[in-house]
Amino acid sequence: MSFRHGLRLLYSQLSVFSRELNRPWCRYISSSLALSSEKRATDFNSLVARTNTCGELRSAHVGQEVTLCGWIQYQRQGLFLVLRDFQGLTQIIIPQDEAHSHVKKVLYDAPVESVVRVTGTVTSRPPGQKNPRMPTGDIEVKVKTAEVLNSCKKLPFEIKDFIKKSEALRMQYRYLDLRSFQMQHNLRLRSQMVMKMREYLCNLHGFVDVETPTLFKRTPGGAKEFVVPSREPGKFYCLPQSPQQFKQLLMIGGLDRYFQVARCYRDEGSKPDRQPEFTQRHLQNKDFEALKESAKSQFNQEVLHLILKPDESLKSPLSKFLSEEQQSELIQALKVQADDVVLLAAGEHEKVCLVLGNMRLESANLLELRGLVLRDPTAFHFLWVVDFPLFLHKEENPAELESAHHPFTAPHPSDTSLLYSEPAKIRSQHYDLVLNGSEIGGGSIRIHNAEQQRFVLETVLKEDPELLSHLLEALKCGAPPHGGIALGLDRLICLVAGAPSIRDVIAFPKSFKGRDLMSNAPDYITPEELEPYHIQVAWPAAEAEANKN
């Protein structure tokens, strides 16, 4: 079956389905599919406005008449312009003869980033003018007719990857930033990766893709959740921080191989990327200060540095507190060589491990920005981390315990007996997947025994088990042993794409403070709009006065 025949068959089936059910969304899917076929089935839909994209013309197309649509990337003195669409660039030659003066005027007057449609003949570029850096660099299109579909005003920045823009400006005008080749590449790579995941899981291993609700109820433990008001007085939904409970309920329901690309909502401001000022020399004092400030702000932990100078003397704030003999012993213990830099921290073991692990990565970033290659960006190194503790002592109250992963994680089989005597010593069946130093996934074997789950919630974590009565009831109904894993899709694609931030692989991201700089969300809601939800805003005094005025 040919592609065109198969598409027509699919279109006809969807159309019949739409008529039978009379569902508007079915008609929308049918239309969308038809429009997406415009490149290969131009005779199939009268709405198609182009014959080719701006990235596909080659020498084999010379002599053909084509119609292209795109944005004006560049225009030079009314002689030629470069047209851009989602697939690439094509050079357009503007006619200079009197017979085509109207065409020349239309294209000459059109501002950069205007949307135009041109029709013309594909020709070979003259000798010496071919551009090997462009896939379409062997050809150009001599225009016969042209139309400006929409003119463009002066933009806040040029749509070119080499133009430096602040992240705030990029996010404010995200619809423009999305036109860049880098963002186009990242989002198309994301789409391809998700499709490959679906094909692998569904077609090869029998997984079922199930969509779980966005509106749910509060989950004890874990991250802070976003609250959504309902029209019932005093009752609220919560946006799920992860579909954890639904995963378990689906497995209890017999969908033992389930997956989804799930939205997870956590009311936690992410930390901004810290970028110290950089020069082209060895680490300087300001770099050490930046590392110390990072440790202090993120972990409330002091970090000291130590440098072994070429004369084998130590340069460190610690030097004045150590005798020469102690300094020599420290050098030997750390196996320090000349010009080595060592970062030191003291305190509780878990906290010190966290801060030094973070300092190790930040130091590597600093050195690589100085030109020292430590990590091959083309290599992918994976690592499993296992044998986590099941519980941790709460920082604000060390006498109480909290879940290291989440309250549904099962204890290690060898440590189960400790649950009822020394829960702080139990290892968990929790596992994390690390790629090139970044955690990209985590999961666990879950508790499938209702009484054990109730004991963990009520006795160990001091949580109200009634909040999870639905799950506890389900676990009593023949729940099989089960487990799962969640991959951080944004972070994974960020690493594969080589992007500096996960915001570069998300179409419409939030700022590190959780704001949408494009639409200025979150925004205020009037008292009249809040009334059906039985909510009143308690304004701080200064804001209340400002709102009055």
Protein backbone atom coordinates (compact mmCIF):
# COMPACT_ATOMS: atom_id res chain seq x y z
CA MET A 1 0.00 0.00 0.00
CA SER A 2 1.39 3.39 -0.97
CA PHE A 3 1.70 6.25 1.53
CA ARG A 4 -0.92 8.29 -0.37
CA HIS A 5 -3.37 5.39 -0.58
CA GLY A 6 -2.92 4.60 3.10
CA LEU A 7 -3.47 8.24 4.06
CA ARG A 8 -6.65 8.42 1.99
CA LEU A 9 -7.92 5.24 3.63
CA LEU A 10 -7.15 6.61 7.10
CA TYR A 11 -8.81 9.92 6.21
CA SER A 12 -11.96 8.19 4.96
CA GLN A 13 -12.17 5.99 8.08
CA LEU A 14 -11.83 8.99 10.37
CA SER A 15 -14.42 10.92 8.38
CA VAL A 16 -16.92 8.05 8.68
CA PHE A 17 -16.14 7.76 12.38
CA SER A 18 -16.72 11.49 12.76
CA ARG A 19 -20.10 11.38 11.01
CA GLU A 20 -21.24 8.41 13.09
CA LEU A 21 -20.33 9.96 16.42
CA ASN A 22 -20.86 13.59 15.37
CA ARG A 23 -17.83 14.59 17.46
CA PRO A 24 -16.12 17.91 16.59
CA TRP A 25 -12.75 16.59 17.71
CA CYS A 26 -12.92 13.79 15.17
CA ARG A 27 -13.44 16.32 12.39
CA TYR A 28 -10.51 18.31 13.73
CA ILE A 29 -8.24 15.24 13.68
CA SER A 30 -9.32 14.45 10.12
CA SER A 31 -8.56 17.98 8.94
CA SER A 32 -5.23 18.09 10.75
CA LEU A 33 -4.13 14.83 9.19
CA ALA A 34 -5.10 16.06 5.74
CA LEU A 35 -3.16 19.29 6.19
CA SER A 36 -0.09 17.46 7.44
CA SER A 37 0.04 15.46 4.20
CA GLU A 38 0.44 18.52 2.03
CA LYS A 39 4.03 17.77 1.02
CA ARG A 40 3.36 14.31 -0.42
CA ALA A 41 -0.27 14.64 -1.50
CA THR A 42 -0.57 18.12 -2.95
CA ASP A 43 -3.55 17.08 -5.08
CA PHE A 44 -5.37 15.78 -2.02
CA ASN A 45 -6.33 19.09 -0.41
CA SER A 46 -7.12 22.38 -2.10
CA LEU A 47 -5.86 24.35 0.91
CA VAL A 48 -2.20 23.48 0.24
CA ALA A 49 -0.31 26.68 -0.58
CA ARG A 50 3.16 25.33 -1.44
CA THR A 51 4.69 22.57 -3.51
CA ASN A 52 7.89 22.17 -1.51
CA THR A 53 9.54 23.22 1.73
CA CYS A 54 12.53 25.55 1.91
CA GLY A 55 14.87 22.75 2.90
CA GLU A 56 14.27 20.06 0.28
CA LEU A 57 15.18 21.53 -3.14
CA ARG A 58 18.32 20.09 -4.77
CA SER A 59 19.99 19.95 -8.18
CA ALA A 60 17.51 17.24 -9.21
CA HIS A 61 14.74 19.87 -9.03
CA VAL A 62 16.39 22.24 -11.56
CA GLY A 63 13.89 23.33 -14.18
CA GLN A 64 10.82 22.66 -12.03
CA GLU A 65 8.33 25.38 -11.15
CA VAL A 66 7.81 25.48 -7.39
CA THR A 67 5.85 27.47 -4.82
CA LEU A 68 7.51 28.15 -1.46
CA CYS A 69 6.18 29.76 1.71
CA GLY A 70 8.28 31.02 4.59
CA TRP A 71 9.78 33.86 6.56
CA ILE A 72 12.26 36.28 5.06
CA GLN A 73 15.51 35.46 6.83
CA TYR A 74 17.66 37.98 4.95
CA GLN A 75 17.29 40.45 2.09
CA ARG A 76 20.03 42.17 0.12
CA GLN A 77 19.39 45.38 -1.81
CA GLY A 78 16.42 44.01 -3.72
CA LEU A 79 18.67 41.47 -5.52
CA PHE A 80 17.95 38.30 -3.57
CA LEU A 81 16.54 37.09 -0.28
CA VAL A 82 16.79 33.94 1.82
CA LEU A 83 13.49 32.26 2.67
CA ARG A 84 13.20 30.10 5.80
CA ASP A 85 10.71 27.56 7.03
CA PHE A 86 10.80 24.69 9.52
CA GLN A 87 12.93 22.53 7.19
CA GLY A 88 15.64 24.91 6.02
CA LEU A 89 16.66 27.83 3.82
CA THR A 90 16.36 28.58 0.10
CA GLN A 91 17.90 31.49 -1.78
CA ILE A 92 15.37 33.46 -3.84
CA ILE A 93 16.49 35.59 -6.82
CA ILE A 94 14.39 38.74 -7.23
CA PRO A 95 13.72 39.60 -10.91
CA GLN A 96 15.22 42.90 -12.08
CA ASP A 97 13.43 43.29 -15.43
CA GLU A 98 10.63 45.81 -15.94
CA ALA A 99 8.04 43.11 -16.60
CA HIS A 100 8.40 41.90 -13.01
CA SER A 101 8.75 45.31 -11.34
CA HIS A 102 5.72 44.64 -9.16
CA VAL A 103 7.31 41.44 -7.83
CA LYS A 104 10.53 43.31 -7.12
CA LYS A 105 8.69 46.03 -5.20
CA VAL A 106 6.68 43.52 -3.14
CA LEU A 107 9.79 41.66 -2.00
CA TYR A 108 11.99 44.74 -1.63
CA ASP A 109 9.48 46.47 0.66
CA ALA A 110 8.76 43.40 2.78
CA PRO A 111 10.50 43.62 6.20
CA VAL A 112 12.65 40.77 7.49
CA GLU A 113 10.55 37.99 9.13
CA SER A 114 7.53 38.80 6.96
CA VAL A 115 5.68 35.72 5.72
CA VAL A 116 5.72 35.46 1.91
CA ARG A 117 4.71 33.05 -0.82
CA VAL A 118 6.77 32.94 -4.00
CA THR A 119 6.46 30.96 -7.21
CA GLY A 120 9.39 30.51 -9.57
CA THR A 121 11.78 28.18 -11.37
CA VAL A 122 14.57 26.20 -9.72
CA THR A 123 17.93 26.97 -11.34
CA SER A 124 21.53 26.05 -10.63
CA ARG A 125 23.64 28.68 -8.92
CA PRO A 126 26.31 30.25 -11.15
CA PRO A 127 29.84 28.78 -11.03
CA GLY A 128 31.68 29.83 -7.88
CA GLN A 129 28.48 30.86 -6.06
CA LYS A 130 27.43 27.50 -4.67
CA ASN A 131 27.26 27.30 -0.88
CA PRO A 132 28.43 23.90 0.45
CA ARG A 133 27.32 24.85 3.99
CA MET A 134 23.66 24.96 2.91
CA PRO A 135 21.85 21.72 1.95
CA THR A 136 20.09 23.80 -0.73
CA GLY A 137 23.32 25.61 -1.63
CA ASP A 138 23.52 24.24 -5.18
CA ILE A 139 20.29 25.86 -6.35
CA GLU A 140 18.26 29.06 -6.20
CA VAL A 141 14.72 29.97 -7.22
CA LYS A 142 14.08 32.71 -9.78
CA VAL A 143 10.82 34.33 -8.79
CA LYS A 144 7.90 34.93 -11.15
CA THR A 145 5.18 35.88 -8.65
CA ALA A 146 5.26 36.90 -5.01
CA GLU A 147 2.77 37.71 -2.27
CA VAL A 148 3.29 39.02 1.27
CA LEU A 149 0.97 36.90 3.41
CA ASN A 150 1.71 38.92 6.54
CA SER A 151 4.12 41.77 7.11
CA CYS A 152 6.32 41.84 10.23
CA LYS A 153 6.99 44.78 12.52
CA LYS A 154 10.43 45.44 14.01
CA LEU A 155 11.19 42.57 16.38
CA PRO A 156 12.87 42.74 19.82
CA PHE A 157 15.68 40.50 18.52
CA GLU A 158 16.85 38.89 15.28
CA ILE A 159 15.90 35.27 14.60
CA LYS A 160 19.49 34.07 14.37
CA ASP A 161 21.20 31.56 16.65
CA PHE A 162 24.41 33.56 16.90
CA ILE A 163 22.58 36.64 18.20
CA LYS A 164 22.93 36.70 22.00
CA LYS A 165 19.63 37.17 23.81
CA SER A 166 18.94 37.10 27.53
CA GLU A 167 16.88 34.15 28.68
CA ALA A 168 14.23 36.51 30.06
CA LEU A 169 13.83 38.14 26.63
CA ARG A 170 13.68 34.77 24.91
CA MET A 171 10.95 33.59 27.27
CA GLN A 172 8.99 36.83 26.99
CA TYR A 173 8.87 36.42 23.20
CA ARG A 174 8.91 32.62 23.14
CA TYR A 175 6.85 32.44 19.93
CA LEU A 176 9.75 34.22 18.19
CA ASP A 177 12.46 32.20 19.93
CA LEU A 178 10.76 29.02 18.69
CA ARG A 179 11.57 30.07 15.09
CA SER A 180 15.31 29.63 15.71
CA PHE A 181 16.98 26.58 14.23
CA GLN A 182 18.24 25.48 17.65
CA MET A 183 14.78 25.47 19.23
CA GLN A 184 13.30 23.83 16.14
CA HIS A 185 15.96 21.12 16.37
CA ASN A 186 15.45 20.57 20.10
CA LEU A 187 11.67 20.26 19.93
CA ARG A 188 11.74 18.01 16.87
CA LEU A 189 14.35 15.83 18.58
CA ARG A 190 12.07 15.65 21.61
CA SER A 191 9.14 14.58 19.43
CA GLN A 192 11.22 11.88 17.72
CA MET A 193 12.50 10.52 21.04
CA VAL A 194 9.02 10.32 22.54
CA MET A 195 7.76 8.54 19.42
CA LYS A 196 10.61 6.01 19.60
CA MET A 197 9.81 5.39 23.27
CA ARG A 198 6.15 4.76 22.47
CA GLU A 199 7.00 2.44 19.58
CA TYR A 200 9.49 0.48 21.68
CA LEU A 201 7.21 0.06 24.70
CA CYS A 202 3.91 -0.56 22.85
CA ASN A 203 4.98 -2.44 19.74
CA LEU A 204 7.83 -4.53 21.13
CA HIS A 205 6.94 -5.10 24.79
CA GLY A 206 3.17 -4.86 25.08
CA PHE A 207 2.93 -1.76 27.27
CA VAL A 208 -0.32 0.21 27.43
CA ASP A 209 -0.34 4.01 27.28
CA VAL A 210 -2.90 5.24 29.85
CA GLU A 211 -3.68 8.87 30.62
CA THR A 212 -4.21 9.61 34.33
CA PRO A 213 -6.17 12.51 35.86
CA THR A 214 -4.69 15.95 36.38
CA LEU A 215 -7.10 16.85 39.18
CA PHE A 216 -6.62 14.63 42.25
CA LYS A 217 -6.31 14.92 46.02
CA ARG A 218 -3.45 15.78 48.35
CA THR A 219 -0.71 13.19 48.76
CA PRO A 220 1.05 13.02 52.13
CA GLY A 221 4.83 13.43 52.04
CA GLY A 222 6.92 14.45 49.06
CA ALA A 223 6.97 17.79 47.27
CA LYS A 224 4.55 20.65 47.80
CA GLU A 225 1.49 20.45 45.59
CA PHE A 226 -0.46 23.08 43.67
CA VAL A 227 -3.95 23.57 45.06
CA VAL A 228 -6.99 23.98 42.77
CA PRO A 229 -10.25 25.33 44.26
CA SER A 230 -13.56 23.59 43.64
CA ARG A 231 -17.10 24.95 43.85
CA GLU A 232 -17.71 22.91 47.02
CA PRO A 233 -16.99 25.13 50.06
CA GLY A 234 -13.67 24.30 51.68
CA LYS A 235 -12.82 21.50 49.24
CA PHE A 236 -9.81 21.59 46.91
CA TYR A 237 -8.19 19.47 44.27
CA CYS A 238 -4.43 19.08 44.04
CA LEU A 239 -2.39 18.77 40.87
CA PRO A 240 -0.44 15.50 41.15
CA GLN A 241 3.28 15.89 41.80
CA SER A 242 3.56 12.52 40.03
CA PRO A 243 1.04 9.88 38.93
CA GLN A 244 2.45 7.56 41.60
CA GLN A 245 -0.82 6.28 43.05
CA PHE A 246 -2.39 5.83 39.62
CA LYS A 247 0.57 3.68 38.59
CA GLN A 248 -0.11 1.34 41.49
CA LEU A 249 -3.88 1.30 40.97
CA LEU A 250 -3.45 0.45 37.28
CA MET A 251 -1.15 -2.44 38.15
CA ILE A 252 -3.63 -3.65 40.75
CA GLY A 253 -6.21 -3.44 37.96
CA GLY A 254 -4.20 -5.83 35.79
CA LEU A 255 -2.39 -3.34 33.53
CA ASP A 256 0.96 -4.71 34.60
CA ARG A 257 2.83 -2.98 31.77
CA TYR A 258 1.68 0.62 31.72
CA PHE A 259 3.35 3.90 30.83
CA GLN A 260 2.49 7.49 30.07
CA VAL A 261 4.18 10.78 29.25
CA ALA A 262 2.85 12.47 32.37
CA ARG A 263 2.71 16.07 33.52
CA CYS A 264 3.97 16.42 37.09
CA TYR A 265 3.27 19.56 39.12
CA ARG A 266 5.39 20.68 42.05
CA ASP A 267 5.05 24.00 43.83
CA GLU A 268 8.78 24.50 44.19
CA GLY A 269 10.78 27.33 42.65
CA SER A 270 13.70 25.87 40.72
CA LYS A 271 17.16 27.27 41.30
CA PRO A 272 18.62 29.55 38.63
CA ASP A 273 21.69 28.43 36.75
CA ARG A 274 24.65 30.04 38.45
CA GLN A 275 27.09 31.55 35.97
CA PRO A 276 30.16 33.18 37.56
CA GLU A 277 32.08 35.65 35.41
CA PHE A 278 34.71 33.92 33.33
CA THR A 279 38.08 34.83 31.88
CA GLN A 280 40.61 32.86 29.87
CA ARG A 281 43.05 32.03 32.82
CA HIS A 282 43.36 29.33 35.94
CA LEU A 283 40.62 29.39 38.72
CA GLN A 284 40.68 32.72 40.58
CA ASN A 285 39.55 33.89 44.01
CA LYS A 286 36.19 34.99 42.66
CA ASP A 287 35.60 31.44 41.41
CA PHE A 288 36.21 30.03 44.87
CA GLU A 289 33.91 32.63 46.32
CA ALA A 290 31.21 31.68 43.80
CA LEU A 291 31.55 28.00 44.77
CA LYS A 292 31.35 28.87 48.47
CA GLU A 293 28.30 31.05 47.92
CA SER A 294 26.61 28.25 45.98
CA ALA A 295 27.24 25.78 48.82
CA LYS A 296 25.97 28.29 51.37
CA SER A 297 22.80 29.25 49.49
CA GLN A 298 21.80 25.75 48.36
CA PHE A 299 22.91 23.63 51.31
CA ASN A 300 23.67 26.08 54.14
CA GLN A 301 27.11 24.48 54.27
CA GLU A 302 30.57 26.03 54.58
CA VAL A 303 33.23 24.95 52.05
CA LEU A 304 36.95 25.74 52.17
CA HIS A 305 39.52 25.45 49.40
CA LEU A 306 43.12 24.24 49.51
CA ILE A 307 45.80 24.78 46.81
CA LEU A 308 49.22 23.12 46.74
CA LYS A 309 51.65 25.65 45.30
CA PRO A 310 54.70 24.58 43.20
CA ASP A 311 56.97 25.04 46.25
CA GLU A 312 54.74 22.48 48.05
CA SER A 313 53.34 25.02 50.46
CA LEU A 314 49.62 25.25 51.08
CA LYS A 315 47.45 28.20 50.15
CA SER A 316 44.28 27.89 52.18
CA PRO A 317 42.29 29.59 54.93
CA LEU A 318 43.18 26.47 56.94
CA SER A 319 46.92 27.09 56.79
CA LYS A 320 47.02 29.30 59.87
CA PHE A 321 45.33 26.60 61.95
CA LEU A 322 47.67 23.75 60.93
CA SER A 323 51.28 23.11 61.83
CA GLU A 324 53.78 22.27 59.08
CA GLU A 325 53.62 18.63 60.11
CA GLN A 326 49.84 18.60 59.93
CA GLN A 327 49.93 20.28 56.55
CA SER A 328 52.34 17.64 55.28
CA GLU A 329 50.10 14.85 56.60
CA LEU A 330 47.08 16.43 54.91
CA ILE A 331 48.92 16.65 51.58
CA GLN A 332 49.89 12.99 51.79
CA ALA A 333 46.41 11.86 52.85
CA LEU A 334 44.78 13.68 49.93
CA LYS A 335 47.55 12.75 47.45
CA VAL A 336 47.66 16.36 46.31
CA GLN A 337 50.06 17.40 43.54
CA ALA A 338 51.38 20.83 42.60
CA ASP A 339 48.64 23.26 41.44
CA ASP A 340 45.87 20.89 42.57
CA VAL A 341 42.79 22.45 44.15
CA VAL A 342 40.90 20.62 46.90
CA LEU A 343 37.48 21.56 48.30
CA LEU A 344 36.84 20.59 51.93
CA ALA A 345 33.63 20.44 53.95
CA ALA A 346 32.87 19.16 57.43
CA GLY A 347 29.59 18.14 59.05
CA GLU A 348 26.99 15.40 58.89
CA HIS A 349 27.92 12.70 56.41
CA GLU A 350 24.78 12.90 54.24
CA LYS A 351 24.85 16.69 54.03
CA VAL A 352 28.58 16.84 53.25
CA CYS A 353 28.19 14.23 50.50
CA LEU A 354 25.43 16.30 48.89
CA VAL A 355 27.36 19.56 48.92
CA LEU A 356 30.67 18.05 47.75
CA GLY A 357 28.91 16.19 44.93
CA ASN A 358 27.42 19.49 43.80
CA MET A 359 30.78 21.29 44.12
CA ARG A 360 32.43 18.58 42.04
CA LEU A 361 30.01 19.21 39.15
CA GLU A 362 30.23 23.00 39.42
CA SER A 363 34.04 22.81 39.47
CA ALA A 364 33.98 20.66 36.33
CA ASN A 365 31.76 23.24 34.63
CA LEU A 366 34.20 26.01 35.57
CA LEU A 367 37.21 24.11 34.25
CA GLU A 368 35.51 23.15 31.00
CA LEU A 369 34.54 26.76 30.40
CA ARG A 370 38.26 27.54 30.75
CA GLY A 371 38.98 25.10 27.91
CA LEU A 372 39.95 21.99 29.88
CA VAL A 373 37.98 19.04 28.43
CA LEU A 374 36.95 16.71 31.25
CA ARG A 375 33.79 15.13 29.84
CA ASP A 376 33.30 14.01 26.26
CA PRO A 377 29.98 15.60 25.19
CA THR A 378 29.46 12.91 22.55
CA ALA A 379 29.76 10.01 25.04
CA PHE A 380 26.89 8.77 27.18
CA HIS A 381 27.79 7.10 30.47
CA PHE A 382 24.98 5.52 32.49
CA LEU A 383 25.03 4.53 36.16
CA TRP A 384 22.51 2.86 38.48
CA VAL A 385 22.40 4.04 42.09
CA VAL A 386 20.86 1.57 44.56
CA ASP A 387 20.62 0.76 48.28
CA PHE A 388 19.24 4.12 49.33
CA PRO A 389 17.98 4.47 52.91
CA LEU A 390 14.22 4.02 53.15
CA PHE A 391 13.84 6.88 55.65
CA LEU A 392 15.82 9.98 56.59
CA HIS A 393 15.77 12.05 59.75
CA LYS A 394 13.92 15.31 59.28
CA GLU A 395 16.28 18.27 59.19
CA GLU A 396 13.98 20.45 61.29
CA ASN A 397 13.23 17.63 63.77
CA PRO A 398 15.80 14.79 63.74
CA ALA A 399 13.63 12.70 66.08
CA GLU A 400 11.08 12.22 63.27
CA LEU A 401 11.51 10.36 59.98
CA GLU A 402 10.51 11.17 56.41
CA SER A 403 10.58 9.12 53.22
CA ALA A 404 13.83 9.29 51.29
CA HIS A 405 11.92 8.57 48.06
CA HIS A 406 8.16 8.42 48.65
CA PRO A 407 5.95 6.69 51.23
CA PHE A 408 5.04 3.83 48.87
CA THR A 409 8.61 2.50 48.44
CA ALA A 410 9.13 -1.05 49.68
CA PRO A 411 11.89 -1.93 52.17
CA HIS A 412 14.80 -4.09 51.06
CA PRO A 413 13.83 -7.77 51.56
CA SER A 414 16.85 -8.35 53.82
CA ASP A 415 15.88 -5.41 56.06
CA THR A 416 12.13 -5.91 56.40
CA SER A 417 12.37 -6.99 60.05
CA LEU A 418 13.97 -3.64 60.95
CA LEU A 419 10.80 -1.80 59.92
CA TYR A 420 9.23 -2.51 63.30
CA SER A 421 12.33 -1.98 65.44
CA GLU A 422 14.92 0.31 63.78
CA PRO A 423 13.31 1.89 60.70
CA ALA A 424 16.14 4.43 60.30
CA LYS A 425 18.52 1.58 59.37
CA ILE A 426 16.41 0.09 56.56
CA ARG A 427 17.58 0.11 52.96
CA SER A 428 14.94 0.69 50.30
CA GLN A 429 14.19 -0.90 46.95
CA HIS A 430 14.67 2.49 45.32
CA TYR A 431 16.87 3.01 42.27
CA ASP A 432 18.05 6.03 40.33
CA LEU A 433 19.43 6.19 36.78
CA VAL A 434 22.23 8.69 36.18
CA LEU A 435 23.52 9.86 32.78
CA ASN A 436 26.75 11.85 32.60
CA GLY A 437 26.41 12.98 36.21
CA SER A 438 22.73 14.00 35.99
CA GLU A 439 19.86 12.02 37.42
CA ILE A 440 17.48 11.24 34.55
CA GLY A 441 15.19 8.74 36.21
CA GLY A 442 14.15 7.13 39.44
CA GLY A 443 11.78 4.48 40.66
CA SER A 444 11.19 1.75 43.18
CA ILE A 445 9.51 -1.51 44.02
CA ARG A 446 6.28 -0.52 45.79
CA ILE A 447 4.71 -1.79 48.98
CA HIS A 448 1.93 -4.17 47.93
CA ASN A 449 0.80 -5.23 51.41
CA ALA A 450 -1.93 -3.03 52.88
CA GLU A 451 -0.97 -3.52 56.53
CA GLN A 452 2.68 -2.73 55.87
CA GLN A 453 1.69 0.40 53.94
CA ARG A 454 -0.60 1.52 56.79
CA PHE A 455 2.19 0.96 59.33
CA VAL A 456 4.62 3.07 57.30
CA LEU A 457 2.13 5.92 56.95
CA GLU A 458 0.66 5.92 60.43
CA THR A 459 3.47 4.77 62.73
CA VAL A 460 6.70 5.67 60.96
CA LEU A 461 5.77 8.84 59.05
CA LYS A 462 2.98 10.05 61.38
CA GLU A 463 0.65 10.66 58.41
CA ASP A 464 -3.12 10.25 58.39
CA PRO A 465 -3.74 6.97 56.51
CA GLU A 466 -7.32 8.02 55.75
CA LEU A 467 -5.94 10.39 53.09
CA LEU A 468 -4.96 7.24 51.19
CA SER A 469 -7.90 5.04 52.11
CA HIS A 470 -8.61 4.34 48.42
CA LEU A 471 -5.08 2.97 47.93
CA LEU A 472 -5.12 0.93 51.14
CA GLU A 473 -8.44 -0.63 50.09
CA ALA A 474 -7.04 -1.44 46.65
CA LEU A 475 -3.97 -3.13 48.17
CA LYS A 476 -6.31 -5.51 50.05
CA CYS A 477 -7.84 -6.69 46.77
CA GLY A 478 -5.13 -9.04 45.55
CA ALA A 479 -2.46 -6.46 44.69
CA PRO A 480 0.49 -8.14 42.94
CA PRO A 481 4.12 -7.22 43.70
CA HIS A 482 4.88 -4.29 41.43
CA GLY A 483 7.33 -1.48 40.72
CA GLY A 484 8.11 1.22 38.22
CA ILE A 485 10.40 3.98 37.10
CA ALA A 486 9.90 7.55 35.92
CA LEU A 487 12.31 9.19 33.50
CA GLY A 488 12.83 12.94 33.62
CA LEU A 489 12.05 13.47 29.95
CA ASP A 490 13.04 17.14 29.92
CA ARG A 491 16.42 16.44 31.50
CA LEU A 492 17.10 13.42 29.29
CA ILE A 493 16.39 15.34 26.08
CA CYS A 494 18.44 18.27 27.40
CA LEU A 495 21.48 15.98 27.72
CA VAL A 496 20.95 14.33 24.32
CA ALA A 497 20.51 17.71 22.61
CA GLY A 498 23.49 19.23 24.42
CA ALA A 499 21.29 22.11 25.60
CA PRO A 500 22.47 24.23 28.55
CA SER A 501 19.06 24.20 30.29
CA ILE A 502 15.88 22.12 30.28
CA ARG A 503 14.07 25.34 29.33
CA ASP A 504 15.73 24.98 25.90
CA VAL A 505 13.86 21.73 25.20
CA ILE A 506 10.42 22.85 26.43
CA ALA A 507 8.18 24.79 24.08
CA PHE A 508 6.70 27.16 26.67
CA PRO A 509 8.70 26.93 29.91
CA LYS A 510 8.35 28.85 33.16
CA SER A 511 11.11 31.02 34.59
CA PHE A 512 13.11 29.79 37.58
CA LYS A 513 10.61 31.66 39.77
CA GLY A 514 7.71 29.77 38.19
CA ARG A 515 6.42 32.66 36.06
CA ASP A 516 5.34 32.65 32.43
CA LEU A 517 7.10 35.77 31.17
CA MET A 518 5.16 35.69 27.89
CA SER A 519 1.63 35.84 29.33
CA ASN A 520 2.62 37.16 32.78
CA ALA A 521 1.03 34.21 34.58
CA PRO A 522 0.18 33.67 37.38
CA ASP A 523 -2.17 36.65 37.39
CA TYR A 524 -4.76 38.21 39.65
CA ILE A 525 -8.40 37.09 39.74
CA THR A 526 -11.15 39.50 40.75
CA PRO A 527 -13.23 38.93 43.93
CA GLU A 528 -16.26 38.35 41.70
CA GLU A 529 -14.47 35.53 39.86
CA LEU A 530 -13.35 33.97 43.16
CA GLU A 531 -16.83 34.08 44.71
CA PRO A 532 -18.08 30.72 43.26
CA TYR A 533 -15.09 29.03 44.91
CA HIS A 534 -15.78 30.50 48.36
CA ILE A 535 -12.31 32.07 48.50
CA GLN A 536 -11.22 35.50 49.67
CA VAL A 537 -7.68 36.84 49.27
CA ALA A 538 -6.06 38.14 52.44
CA TRP A 539 -3.94 40.92 50.98
CA PRO A 540 -0.82 42.23 52.76
CA ALA A 541 -1.45 45.80 53.91
CA ALA A 542 0.73 47.46 51.26
CA GLU A 543 -0.84 45.53 48.38
CA ALA A 544 -4.36 46.10 49.70
CA GLU A 545 -3.75 49.85 49.70
CA ALA A 546 -2.28 49.70 46.18
CA ASN A 547 -5.31 47.74 44.91
CA LYS A 548 -7.66 50.35 46.36
CA ASN A 549 -5.90 53.05 44.37
